[in-house]
Amino acid sequence: MRRFLKYGALAALVFALVWLAVIIWWQETRTLPSGPDIALYLFALPAALLLAFFLGVKAVRAARAPKPAPEAAPDAAPQAPRHARLAVLAAAASAGPGTSAQAILDACAAQARAALDPELLSRAGYPVFAARHAALDTATLRLHAAIGAASAADIPDAALRACALAEPVAQALVEQADAHVVATQGRLPAGQRPTLHMDVALPAGWTAAAQRLALETLARAAAVWPPEQLHLALIPPAQAHPDADSDTTQPLLRALGAHDLPGLRIVLALDSAIDAGVIGAWEDRGALMGPETPAGRVPGESAAGLLLVTGAAPAAGASTLVFSPRVQRGRPADARGAASDTTLGELADAFLPEEKIDTAQVAAVVSDADHRGSRTLESVGLTARLFPQLDPAKDCLVLGTACGATGAATTLLTLALALEASRAAQAPALALLTQDPLARALAVVLPPSSSAA
């Protein structure tokens, strides 16, 4: 409506200026206009000026638009060599819709959407849509942080909330690791416990005080494990695409595939955008969803992690996680005409047969897509084409619609939900990674029964 009014006002202004100029000219030259003169000067001329203006704007935009990469030849489908198979003992997640992977899956299945947040306001003073975790009170979190850290004033709300979400997630995974050691090796003395590696992905740009809070929080969550046998490390963030939430997929894949030290490994990520400062920064660069920016992001928050067991011997009760290669689309997902891009489908067509995945057995598809139609249609279209036994509207679970933009936690949240869906159905599940404008990847989760086979 606003665009219609803007263009209408522009057309009215052009007609008014042309009419004023022409009438003054006729008066100065004492011209008595005929019917053709009136049609030509008062209607055809302003219409021609408007048409020339709009064609010029379109030409300028086309010249400034990024040139798409050359289309791949039809016989050059993405190759999908077999990736290392990762054994996943457990997954845990927390996000706006709930404190467990199953609760989040239920919200996605119900097609829940983020609501207007009364505490987060745009610069115009209107509430913005956000997927806030309702059980977290920022003021209380800041009070607790001030008790334990002298630099609590330097920690933004987003870091306080993300760390609060991460603590129970880390605790659940460490307890699962402890139970695994007891079940396989008995109750060992502290000095004989295997080393538990915990690799943590934080959002790029967090302050040193926020990073310290995260490490202190996670160490406290791992209290059941002997401190000398716990190895906490931060995953270096990657350089994110300016249109992406936070591209942690590549460093996460490196951390997930680290088989240099056999034993137990937790890979965890956390992020939050429920912060007035984050909202302001997004709005300044047009990245916040609003009336003028419908393709903007909806603030969300999440923490998610996987417990992996590495080594030659297969772990009983472990699911199997297999990643595809990452491939590049021919053009960004939000560019004009990008809906016809078939990169994700070609990747699935090559990868699933390579991994001997029976598509008829796939029970669920979990996508990191959100409210933007470009990502959702890409995921739903692939589901409808490859898995006729699934209902794309119900069985393709789009987590970004319910959870909002979860930034650095998006990849692990998607994998954790896919693992939960696979275990619940005792069947393979597919995870689709589509948030990056260009990069595409997918992963297959096989339940313990299939993994052992």
Protein backbone atom coordinates (compact mmCIF):
# COMPACT_ATOMS: atom_id res chain seq x y z
CA MET A 1 0.00 0.00 0.00
CA ARG A 2 2.80 2.40 0.90
CA ARG A 3 4.57 1.70 -2.39
CA PHE A 4 1.32 2.33 -4.31
CA LEU A 5 0.88 5.67 -2.54
CA LYS A 6 4.49 6.63 -3.23
CA TYR A 7 4.24 5.88 -6.95
CA GLY A 8 0.84 7.57 -7.12
CA ALA A 9 2.24 10.72 -5.56
CA LEU A 10 5.16 10.68 -8.01
CA ALA A 11 2.82 10.35 -11.00
CA ALA A 12 0.61 13.16 -9.72
CA LEU A 13 3.67 15.40 -9.25
CA VAL A 14 4.94 14.74 -12.77
CA PHE A 15 1.54 15.43 -14.34
CA ALA A 16 1.13 18.61 -12.27
CA LEU A 17 4.56 19.97 -13.25
CA VAL A 18 4.08 19.16 -16.94
CA TRP A 19 0.60 20.68 -16.99
CA LEU A 20 1.83 23.82 -15.22
CA ALA A 21 4.73 24.25 -17.64
CA VAL A 22 2.62 23.60 -20.74
CA ILE A 23 -0.22 25.94 -19.67
CA ILE A 24 2.24 28.73 -18.87
CA TRP A 25 3.89 28.19 -22.27
CA TRP A 26 0.53 28.35 -24.05
CA GLN A 27 -0.34 31.54 -22.20
CA GLU A 28 3.00 33.19 -22.98
CA THR A 29 2.78 32.24 -26.68
CA ARG A 30 -0.98 33.00 -26.87
CA THR A 31 -1.55 29.50 -28.26
CA LEU A 32 -5.05 28.10 -28.54
CA PRO A 33 -4.49 24.33 -28.09
CA SER A 34 -6.36 21.89 -30.24
CA GLY A 35 -7.59 18.47 -29.17
CA PRO A 36 -4.40 16.67 -30.37
CA ASP A 37 -2.28 19.32 -28.57
CA ILE A 38 -4.11 18.64 -25.30
CA ALA A 39 -3.73 14.86 -25.69
CA LEU A 40 -0.06 15.15 -26.66
CA TYR A 41 1.19 17.69 -24.11
CA LEU A 42 -1.09 17.07 -21.14
CA PHE A 43 -1.28 13.27 -21.24
CA ALA A 44 1.22 11.63 -23.60
CA LEU A 45 4.19 13.78 -22.52
CA PRO A 46 3.94 13.16 -18.72
CA ALA A 47 3.20 9.48 -19.35
CA ALA A 48 6.33 9.23 -21.51
CA LEU A 49 8.41 10.95 -18.84
CA LEU A 50 7.16 8.52 -16.17
CA LEU A 51 7.86 5.53 -18.41
CA ALA A 52 11.38 6.76 -19.14
CA PHE A 53 11.98 7.29 -15.40
CA PHE A 54 10.87 3.77 -14.43
CA LEU A 55 12.85 2.16 -17.26
CA GLY A 56 15.92 4.11 -16.17
CA VAL A 57 15.52 2.98 -12.54
CA LYS A 58 15.13 -0.62 -13.67
CA ALA A 59 18.24 -0.37 -15.86
CA VAL A 60 20.31 1.09 -13.00
CA ARG A 61 19.17 -1.65 -10.60
CA ALA A 62 19.98 -4.34 -13.17
CA ALA A 63 23.45 -2.86 -13.68
CA ARG A 64 24.13 -2.81 -9.93
CA ALA A 65 22.79 -6.33 -9.27
CA PRO A 66 25.43 -9.05 -8.80
CA LYS A 67 26.00 -11.08 -11.92
CA PRO A 68 24.94 -14.72 -11.48
CA ALA A 69 27.55 -17.40 -11.80
CA PRO A 70 27.47 -19.40 -15.05
CA GLU A 71 24.96 -22.21 -15.01
CA ALA A 72 26.47 -25.67 -14.63
CA ALA A 73 26.13 -28.04 -17.53
CA PRO A 74 23.21 -30.47 -17.18
CA ASP A 75 25.60 -33.41 -16.80
CA ALA A 76 27.68 -31.66 -14.11
CA ALA A 77 25.54 -32.50 -11.09
CA PRO A 78 27.26 -31.92 -7.73
CA GLN A 79 29.35 -34.88 -6.74
CA ALA A 80 28.81 -36.27 -3.25
CA PRO A 81 31.73 -38.36 -2.03
CA ARG A 82 31.14 -40.33 1.14
CA HIS A 83 31.74 -38.19 4.23
CA ALA A 84 33.05 -39.44 7.55
CA ARG A 85 30.28 -41.06 9.51
CA LEU A 86 29.88 -39.51 12.94
CA ALA A 87 28.48 -41.43 15.91
CA VAL A 88 26.11 -39.26 17.95
CA LEU A 89 25.24 -40.46 21.43
CA ALA A 90 22.88 -37.64 22.35
CA ALA A 91 21.58 -34.22 21.37
CA ALA A 92 20.11 -31.40 23.40
CA ALA A 93 18.54 -28.09 22.46
CA SER A 94 16.72 -25.11 23.88
CA ALA A 95 15.09 -22.26 21.97
CA GLY A 96 12.19 -19.86 22.11
CA PRO A 97 9.46 -22.53 21.77
CA GLY A 98 10.80 -24.83 24.50
CA THR A 99 13.60 -26.34 26.56
CA SER A 100 13.88 -29.67 24.75
CA ALA A 101 14.32 -30.85 21.18
CA GLN A 102 10.92 -32.55 21.27
CA ALA A 103 9.16 -29.38 22.46
CA ILE A 104 10.77 -27.41 19.64
CA LEU A 105 9.81 -30.10 17.12
CA ASP A 106 6.22 -29.97 18.36
CA ALA A 107 6.15 -26.19 17.88
CA CYS A 108 7.52 -26.56 14.34
CA ALA A 109 4.97 -29.27 13.54
CA ALA A 110 2.19 -26.98 14.81
CA GLN A 111 3.59 -24.25 12.52
CA ALA A 112 3.96 -21.89 15.49
CA ARG A 113 5.15 -18.40 14.69
CA ALA A 114 7.05 -15.77 16.61
CA ALA A 115 4.81 -13.25 18.36
CA LEU A 116 5.06 -9.50 18.85
CA ASP A 117 7.49 -8.83 21.69
CA PRO A 118 6.35 -6.07 24.08
CA GLU A 119 9.91 -5.42 25.31
CA LEU A 120 11.67 -5.13 21.93
CA LEU A 121 10.69 -2.01 20.04
CA SER A 122 11.64 -0.61 16.67
CA ARG A 123 12.96 2.93 16.40
CA ALA A 124 9.41 4.01 15.56
CA GLY A 125 8.26 2.61 18.91
CA TYR A 126 6.41 -0.45 17.61
CA PRO A 127 6.93 -3.97 19.02
CA VAL A 128 8.83 -6.33 16.74
CA PHE A 129 8.23 -10.03 16.13
CA ALA A 130 10.60 -12.18 18.20
CA ALA A 131 10.92 -15.80 19.37
CA ARG A 132 11.80 -15.11 23.00
CA HIS A 133 12.34 -17.89 25.54
CA ALA A 134 9.62 -16.94 27.99
CA ALA A 135 11.27 -18.48 31.07
CA LEU A 136 14.33 -16.21 30.91
CA ASP A 137 14.20 -12.89 32.70
CA THR A 138 17.04 -10.64 31.55
CA ALA A 139 17.06 -8.49 34.70
CA THR A 140 17.43 -11.54 36.93
CA LEU A 141 20.18 -12.94 34.72
CA ARG A 142 22.09 -9.66 34.93
CA LEU A 143 21.76 -9.64 38.72
CA HIS A 144 23.18 -13.16 38.97
CA ALA A 145 25.99 -12.30 36.55
CA ALA A 146 26.91 -9.24 38.63
CA ILE A 147 27.32 -11.44 41.70
CA GLY A 148 29.84 -13.67 39.95
CA ALA A 149 31.63 -11.28 37.58
CA ALA A 150 32.97 -7.80 38.17
CA SER A 151 32.61 -7.00 34.46
CA ALA A 152 28.92 -7.93 34.24
CA ALA A 153 28.08 -4.40 33.08
CA ASP A 154 30.12 -5.07 29.90
CA ILE A 155 28.04 -8.14 29.02
CA PRO A 156 25.10 -7.45 26.66
CA ASP A 157 21.66 -8.92 27.22
CA ALA A 158 22.10 -11.25 24.25
CA ALA A 159 25.13 -12.94 25.84
CA LEU A 160 23.41 -13.27 29.22
CA ARG A 161 20.42 -14.97 27.63
CA ALA A 162 22.44 -17.23 25.32
CA CYS A 163 24.60 -18.45 28.22
CA ALA A 164 21.50 -19.13 30.32
CA LEU A 165 20.09 -21.23 27.48
CA ALA A 166 23.37 -23.08 27.05
CA GLU A 167 23.83 -24.14 30.68
CA PRO A 168 21.08 -26.82 30.84
CA VAL A 169 21.96 -28.00 27.33
CA ALA A 170 25.60 -28.53 28.31
CA GLN A 171 24.61 -30.13 31.62
CA ALA A 172 22.36 -32.65 29.86
CA LEU A 173 25.09 -33.61 27.39
CA VAL A 174 27.75 -33.96 30.11
CA GLU A 175 25.40 -36.17 32.14
CA GLN A 176 24.86 -38.32 29.03
CA ALA A 177 28.63 -38.57 28.63
CA ASP A 178 28.97 -39.58 32.28
CA ALA A 179 26.26 -42.24 31.89
CA HIS A 180 28.02 -43.59 28.79
CA VAL A 181 31.33 -43.97 30.64
CA VAL A 182 29.64 -45.68 33.60
CA ALA A 183 27.77 -48.06 31.28
CA THR A 184 30.86 -48.99 29.25
CA GLN A 185 33.74 -48.73 31.73
CA GLY A 186 32.18 -48.67 35.16
CA ARG A 187 32.67 -45.98 37.81
CA LEU A 188 36.25 -44.88 37.29
CA PRO A 189 38.28 -42.73 39.68
CA ALA A 190 38.50 -39.08 38.62
CA GLY A 191 42.06 -39.41 37.35
CA GLN A 192 41.17 -42.35 35.11
CA ARG A 193 38.20 -40.70 33.42
CA PRO A 194 38.63 -40.11 29.68
CA THR A 195 39.08 -36.51 28.56
CA LEU A 196 35.82 -34.84 27.58
CA HIS A 197 36.33 -32.30 24.83
CA MET A 198 33.76 -29.50 24.61
CA ASP A 199 34.05 -27.30 21.52
CA VAL A 200 31.89 -24.18 21.68
CA ALA A 201 30.74 -21.90 18.85
CA LEU A 202 29.96 -18.32 19.91
CA PRO A 203 28.66 -15.49 17.74
CA ALA A 204 31.33 -13.40 16.07
CA GLY A 205 31.84 -10.07 17.82
CA TRP A 206 31.22 -11.15 21.39
CA THR A 207 33.31 -9.19 23.88
CA ALA A 208 36.01 -10.82 25.99
CA ALA A 209 33.74 -10.48 29.04
CA ALA A 210 30.93 -12.29 27.24
CA GLN A 211 33.29 -15.07 26.14
CA ARG A 212 34.52 -15.49 29.72
CA LEU A 213 30.92 -15.71 30.93
CA ALA A 214 30.23 -18.44 28.37
CA LEU A 215 33.25 -20.52 29.40
CA GLU A 216 32.49 -20.08 33.11
CA THR A 217 28.85 -21.06 32.55
CA LEU A 218 29.76 -24.19 30.59
CA ALA A 219 32.42 -25.22 33.09
CA ARG A 220 29.82 -24.92 35.86
CA ALA A 221 27.37 -26.98 33.81
CA ALA A 222 30.02 -29.72 33.49
CA ALA A 223 30.57 -29.98 37.25
CA VAL A 224 29.84 -33.72 37.21
CA TRP A 225 33.00 -34.24 35.15
CA PRO A 226 36.47 -33.95 36.77
CA PRO A 227 37.77 -30.45 35.86
CA GLU A 228 41.23 -31.76 34.98
CA GLN A 229 39.65 -34.11 32.43
CA LEU A 230 37.50 -31.42 30.80
CA HIS A 231 38.90 -29.59 27.79
CA LEU A 232 36.89 -26.47 26.87
CA ALA A 233 37.75 -24.68 23.62
CA LEU A 234 36.14 -21.99 21.47
CA ILE A 235 35.56 -22.70 17.79
CA PRO A 236 37.01 -19.80 15.76
CA PRO A 237 34.12 -18.12 13.91
CA ALA A 238 34.10 -17.97 10.13
CA GLN A 239 33.65 -14.82 8.10
CA ALA A 240 29.88 -14.65 7.59
CA HIS A 241 28.19 -13.61 4.38
CA PRO A 242 26.61 -10.17 4.96
CA ASP A 243 23.14 -11.60 4.27
CA ALA A 244 23.60 -14.70 6.44
CA ASP A 245 22.80 -14.99 10.13
CA SER A 246 26.20 -16.25 11.16
CA ASP A 247 27.99 -18.76 9.04
CA THR A 248 29.31 -21.24 11.60
CA THR A 249 28.65 -24.28 9.42
CA GLN A 250 32.21 -24.71 8.15
CA PRO A 251 33.97 -24.41 11.54
CA LEU A 252 31.28 -26.62 13.10
CA LEU A 253 31.87 -29.29 10.48
CA ARG A 254 35.59 -29.18 11.23
CA ALA A 255 34.86 -29.56 14.95
CA LEU A 256 32.34 -32.35 14.37
CA GLY A 257 34.77 -34.25 12.17
CA ALA A 258 37.77 -33.92 14.49
CA HIS A 259 38.89 -37.53 14.97
CA ASP A 260 42.43 -36.75 16.06
CA LEU A 261 41.71 -37.73 19.68
CA PRO A 262 39.48 -40.74 20.35
CA GLY A 263 36.94 -40.38 23.10
CA LEU A 264 33.97 -38.20 23.90
CA ARG A 265 33.34 -34.81 22.31
CA ILE A 266 30.59 -32.26 22.81
CA VAL A 267 30.06 -29.66 20.11
CA LEU A 268 27.81 -26.85 21.28
CA ALA A 269 26.64 -23.50 19.89
CA LEU A 270 24.67 -20.65 21.43
CA ASP A 271 23.29 -17.31 20.30
CA SER A 272 20.58 -14.78 21.08
CA ALA A 273 19.21 -11.72 19.32
CA ILE A 274 16.80 -10.78 22.12
CA ASP A 275 18.62 -7.55 22.83
CA ALA A 276 17.71 -3.93 22.10
CA GLY A 277 21.24 -3.32 20.79
CA VAL A 278 21.00 -6.19 18.32
CA ILE A 279 17.57 -5.04 17.19
CA GLY A 280 18.88 -1.52 16.56
CA ALA A 281 21.86 -2.80 14.58
CA TRP A 282 19.63 -5.02 12.43
CA GLU A 283 17.21 -2.18 11.80
CA ASP A 284 20.04 0.19 10.81
CA ARG A 285 21.12 -2.11 7.99
CA GLY A 286 17.61 -3.18 6.96
CA ALA A 287 18.01 -6.73 8.31
CA LEU A 288 15.08 -6.65 10.78
CA MET A 289 11.72 -7.94 9.56
CA GLY A 290 9.22 -5.11 9.36
CA PRO A 291 6.72 -3.41 7.03
CA GLU A 292 9.52 -2.08 4.82
CA THR A 293 11.69 -5.20 5.04
CA PRO A 294 9.48 -8.33 4.87
CA ALA A 295 12.54 -10.47 4.03
CA GLY A 296 14.34 -9.32 7.18
CA ARG A 297 15.08 -11.55 10.13
CA VAL A 298 12.96 -12.35 13.18
CA PRO A 299 15.06 -12.24 16.38
CA GLY A 300 15.39 -15.59 18.12
CA GLU A 301 17.67 -17.36 20.58
CA SER A 302 18.91 -20.90 21.04
CA ALA A 303 21.56 -23.24 22.38
CA ALA A 304 22.09 -26.69 20.93
CA GLY A 305 24.71 -29.41 21.07
CA LEU A 306 25.67 -32.94 20.11
CA LEU A 307 27.57 -35.57 22.11
CA LEU A 308 29.87 -37.52 19.79
CA VAL A 309 31.96 -40.60 20.41
CA THR A 310 35.06 -40.96 18.26
CA GLY A 311 37.25 -43.98 17.79
CA ALA A 312 37.40 -47.22 15.86
CA ALA A 313 34.88 -49.18 17.91
CA PRO A 314 31.20 -48.41 17.21
CA ALA A 315 29.24 -47.12 20.18
CA ALA A 316 26.10 -48.98 21.18
CA GLY A 317 22.99 -46.82 21.03
CA ALA A 318 24.61 -44.14 18.87
CA SER A 319 22.88 -42.56 15.89
CA THR A 320 24.88 -41.95 12.73
CA LEU A 321 25.24 -38.48 11.23
CA VAL A 322 26.49 -38.13 7.66
CA PHE A 323 27.09 -34.75 6.01
CA SER A 324 26.97 -33.99 2.33
CA PRO A 325 29.57 -31.71 0.76
CA ARG A 326 28.76 -28.00 0.68
CA VAL A 327 27.87 -26.74 -2.78
CA GLN A 328 27.20 -23.26 -4.14
CA ARG A 329 24.00 -22.04 -5.76
CA GLY A 330 24.22 -20.27 -9.10
CA ARG A 331 22.74 -17.11 -7.59
CA PRO A 332 21.76 -15.87 -4.11
CA ALA A 333 18.55 -17.34 -2.76
CA ASP A 334 16.78 -13.98 -2.53
CA ALA A 335 17.80 -12.72 -5.98
CA ARG A 336 15.22 -12.33 -8.71
CA GLY A 337 14.63 -15.63 -10.49
CA ALA A 338 16.49 -17.65 -7.83
CA ALA A 339 13.50 -19.91 -7.17
CA SER A 340 14.37 -21.93 -10.28
CA ASP A 341 17.77 -22.91 -8.89
CA THR A 342 18.01 -26.71 -8.49
CA THR A 343 21.31 -26.94 -6.59
CA LEU A 344 19.85 -28.42 -3.40
CA GLY A 345 17.82 -30.99 -5.30
CA GLU A 346 20.81 -32.03 -7.42
CA LEU A 347 22.90 -32.39 -4.27
CA ALA A 348 20.26 -34.65 -2.68
CA ASP A 349 19.94 -36.69 -5.88
CA ALA A 350 23.68 -37.38 -5.82
CA PHE A 351 24.24 -37.73 -2.07
CA LEU A 352 21.36 -39.95 -0.93
CA PRO A 353 22.09 -42.83 -3.38
CA GLU A 354 25.80 -42.56 -2.55
CA GLU A 355 24.94 -43.13 1.11
CA LYS A 356 22.47 -45.89 0.17
CA ILE A 357 19.57 -44.03 1.79
CA ASP A 358 16.17 -45.52 0.95
CA THR A 359 14.06 -42.39 0.41
CA ALA A 360 10.90 -44.38 1.15
CA GLN A 361 12.14 -44.89 4.72
CA VAL A 362 12.81 -41.23 5.52
CA ALA A 363 10.41 -40.20 8.29
CA ALA A 364 11.05 -36.46 8.61
CA VAL A 365 12.80 -33.50 7.01
CA VAL A 366 14.06 -30.72 9.28
CA SER A 367 15.03 -27.47 7.58
CA ASP A 368 16.64 -24.34 8.99
CA ALA A 369 14.41 -22.30 6.64
CA ASP A 370 12.36 -19.42 8.03
CA HIS A 371 9.49 -17.11 7.07
CA ARG A 372 11.21 -16.14 3.82
CA GLY A 373 9.48 -17.94 0.97
CA SER A 374 12.75 -18.53 -0.89
CA ARG A 375 14.10 -20.93 1.75
CA THR A 376 10.79 -22.55 2.66
CA LEU A 377 9.82 -23.31 -0.94
CA GLU A 378 13.26 -24.78 -1.57
CA SER A 379 12.87 -27.19 1.38
CA VAL A 380 9.21 -28.03 0.82
CA GLY A 381 9.78 -28.57 -2.90
CA LEU A 382 12.59 -31.05 -2.26
CA THR A 383 10.45 -32.91 0.30
CA ALA A 384 7.51 -33.19 -2.09
CA ARG A 385 9.67 -34.44 -4.95
CA LEU A 386 11.86 -36.99 -3.14
CA PHE A 387 9.63 -38.27 -0.36
CA PRO A 388 6.06 -38.90 -1.59
CA GLN A 389 5.26 -40.71 1.67
CA LEU A 390 5.66 -37.41 3.56
CA ASP A 391 3.22 -34.53 3.76
CA PRO A 392 5.35 -31.47 2.90
CA ALA A 393 3.12 -29.23 5.00
CA LYS A 394 3.49 -31.40 8.13
CA ASP A 395 6.60 -33.53 7.76
CA CYS A 396 8.95 -30.83 6.46
CA LEU A 397 9.61 -29.02 9.74
CA VAL A 398 10.74 -25.43 9.23
CA LEU A 399 12.42 -24.41 12.47
CA GLY A 400 13.14 -20.76 11.62
CA THR A 401 9.44 -19.88 11.55
CA ALA A 402 8.96 -20.97 15.17
CA CYS A 403 12.43 -20.20 16.53
CA GLY A 404 13.34 -17.05 14.63
CA ALA A 405 16.91 -16.32 13.57
CA THR A 406 19.16 -18.33 15.90
CA GLY A 407 22.46 -17.23 14.39
CA ALA A 408 25.48 -19.26 15.45
CA ALA A 409 23.24 -22.01 16.90
CA THR A 410 21.23 -22.59 13.70
CA THR A 411 23.23 -25.49 12.27
CA LEU A 412 23.45 -27.49 15.50
CA LEU A 413 19.80 -26.76 16.33
CA THR A 414 18.78 -28.20 12.94
CA LEU A 415 20.93 -31.30 13.49
CA ALA A 416 19.68 -31.81 17.05
CA LEU A 417 16.06 -31.64 15.91
CA ALA A 418 16.74 -34.05 13.03
CA LEU A 419 18.35 -36.48 15.46
CA GLU A 420 15.36 -36.25 17.81
CA ALA A 421 12.94 -36.81 14.91
CA SER A 422 14.96 -39.81 13.73
CA ARG A 423 15.04 -41.42 17.17
CA ALA A 424 11.34 -40.80 17.76
CA ALA A 425 10.41 -42.49 14.47
CA GLN A 426 13.26 -45.04 14.52
CA ALA A 427 13.85 -44.12 10.90
CA PRO A 428 16.19 -41.91 8.90
CA ALA A 429 15.68 -38.13 8.99
CA LEU A 430 17.10 -35.43 6.76
CA ALA A 431 18.48 -32.04 7.85
CA LEU A 432 18.58 -29.22 5.27
CA LEU A 433 20.98 -26.29 5.74
CA THR A 434 19.71 -23.38 3.62
CA GLN A 435 20.30 -20.19 5.63
CA ASP A 436 23.37 -19.04 3.71
CA PRO A 437 22.37 -17.13 0.54
CA LEU A 438 24.64 -19.30 -1.62
CA ALA A 439 25.94 -22.38 0.23
CA ARG A 440 23.79 -25.49 0.48
CA ALA A 441 24.32 -28.70 2.44
CA LEU A 442 22.30 -31.50 3.95
CA ALA A 443 22.84 -34.27 6.47
CA VAL A 444 21.28 -37.67 7.06
CA VAL A 445 20.61 -38.98 10.56
CA LEU A 446 20.23 -42.74 10.96
CA PRO A 447 18.76 -44.14 14.19
CA PRO A 448 20.78 -46.55 16.37
CA SER A 449 19.18 -49.67 14.85
CA SER A 450 20.16 -48.54 11.31
CA SER A 451 23.59 -47.41 12.50
CA ALA A 452 24.39 -50.77 13.96
CA ALA A 453 23.27 -52.59 10.85
